[in-house]
Amino acid sequence: MGIVSWIVLGLLAGGIAKFLLPGRDPGGLIVTTLIGVAGSFTGGWLSAKFLDKPIQTEFFELTTWGSAIAGSLVLLIAYRILFGNSRS
């Protein structure tokens, strides 16, 4: 998968993570989607490094999607913990 595929996957994974973790985010939609992109890279890297699951070259591989969504969820939760609910 190329860099554009990872960005698209990150945008979709960020949307799914936002759906799974509803509520208001301190940064809004743009920051949430950027967290999704960073989460997909982070989840893929962690999966390859610590779980001994190499990053697949197929876009529609279930483990690729799972690691991207998990990474997005982790970063979204960390972002909410660090920056709180500043939007009332």
Protein backbone atom coordinates (compact mmCIF):
# COMPACT_ATOMS: atom_id res chain seq x y z
CA MET A 1 0.00 0.00 0.00
CA GLY A 2 1.20 3.46 -0.84
CA ILE A 3 1.09 6.57 1.29
CA VAL A 4 -2.19 7.72 -0.28
CA SER A 5 -3.82 4.41 0.61
CA TRP A 6 -2.72 4.79 4.22
CA ILE A 7 -4.12 8.31 4.34
CA VAL A 8 -7.47 7.16 2.94
CA LEU A 9 -7.46 4.23 5.37
CA GLY A 10 -6.68 6.64 8.20
CA LEU A 11 -9.54 8.94 7.27
CA LEU A 12 -11.95 6.03 7.22
CA ALA A 13 -10.52 4.52 10.41
CA GLY A 14 -10.82 7.91 12.13
CA GLY A 15 -14.47 8.09 11.10
CA ILE A 16 -15.11 4.60 12.43
CA ALA A 17 -13.27 5.38 15.67
CA LYS A 18 -15.35 8.54 16.07
CA PHE A 19 -18.50 6.48 15.49
CA LEU A 20 -17.39 3.94 18.12
CA LEU A 21 -16.42 6.68 20.58
CA PRO A 22 -19.14 9.33 20.27
CA GLY A 23 -19.07 12.67 21.99
CA ARG A 24 -17.60 16.07 21.46
CA ASP A 25 -13.92 16.31 20.75
CA PRO A 26 -11.80 19.32 21.73
CA GLY A 27 -10.49 19.77 18.19
CA GLY A 28 -13.51 19.17 16.02
CA LEU A 29 -13.82 17.22 12.80
CA ILE A 30 -10.52 18.20 11.18
CA VAL A 31 -8.39 17.27 14.19
CA THR A 32 -10.35 14.03 14.63
CA THR A 33 -9.64 12.98 11.05
CA LEU A 34 -5.95 13.89 11.43
CA ILE A 35 -5.88 11.75 14.57
CA GLY A 36 -7.38 8.96 12.46
CA VAL A 37 -4.58 9.23 9.91
CA ALA A 38 -1.94 9.26 12.67
CA GLY A 39 -3.73 6.37 14.35
CA SER A 40 -3.62 4.24 11.24
CA PHE A 41 0.12 4.75 10.93
CA THR A 42 0.61 4.13 14.67
CA GLY A 43 -1.60 1.05 14.70
CA GLY A 44 0.17 -0.42 11.68
CA TRP A 45 3.58 0.23 13.16
CA LEU A 46 2.64 -1.22 16.58
CA SER A 47 1.11 -4.26 14.93
CA ALA A 48 4.26 -4.92 12.93
CA LYS A 49 6.66 -4.15 15.77
CA PHE A 50 5.11 -5.78 18.84
CA LEU A 51 2.45 -8.24 17.64
CA ASP A 52 4.64 -9.74 14.91
CA LYS A 53 1.90 -9.06 12.35
CA PRO A 54 3.54 -7.53 9.30
CA ILE A 55 1.70 -4.75 7.51
CA GLN A 56 -0.27 -6.23 4.65
CA THR A 57 -0.01 -4.91 1.14
CA GLU A 58 -3.75 -5.29 0.51
CA PHE A 59 -6.10 -2.41 1.28
CA PHE A 60 -9.00 -4.70 2.21
CA GLU A 61 -7.09 -6.91 4.66
CA LEU A 62 -8.96 -7.31 7.97
CA THR A 63 -5.84 -7.07 10.14
CA THR A 64 -4.83 -3.82 8.44
CA TRP A 65 -8.23 -2.29 9.16
CA GLY A 66 -8.26 -3.62 12.72
CA SER A 67 -4.87 -2.15 13.54
CA ALA A 68 -5.77 1.18 11.93
CA ILE A 69 -9.05 1.46 13.85
CA ALA A 70 -7.41 0.37 17.12
CA GLY A 71 -4.63 2.91 16.67
CA SER A 72 -7.19 5.63 15.93
CA LEU A 73 -9.19 4.73 19.04
CA VAL A 74 -6.10 4.81 21.24
CA LEU A 75 -4.99 8.21 19.92
CA LEU A 76 -8.53 9.63 20.15
CA ILE A 77 -8.85 8.50 23.77
CA ALA A 78 -5.40 9.90 24.59
CA TYR A 79 -6.31 13.20 22.90
CA ARG A 80 -9.50 13.47 24.96
CA ILE A 81 -7.62 12.71 28.17
CA LEU A 82 -4.87 15.24 27.46
CA PHE A 83 -6.98 18.11 26.16
CA GLY A 84 -10.30 17.43 27.87
CA ASN A 85 -13.68 18.55 26.72
CA SER A 86 -12.94 22.21 25.99
CA ARG A 87 -15.96 22.57 23.69
CA SER A 88 -19.12 23.07 25.73
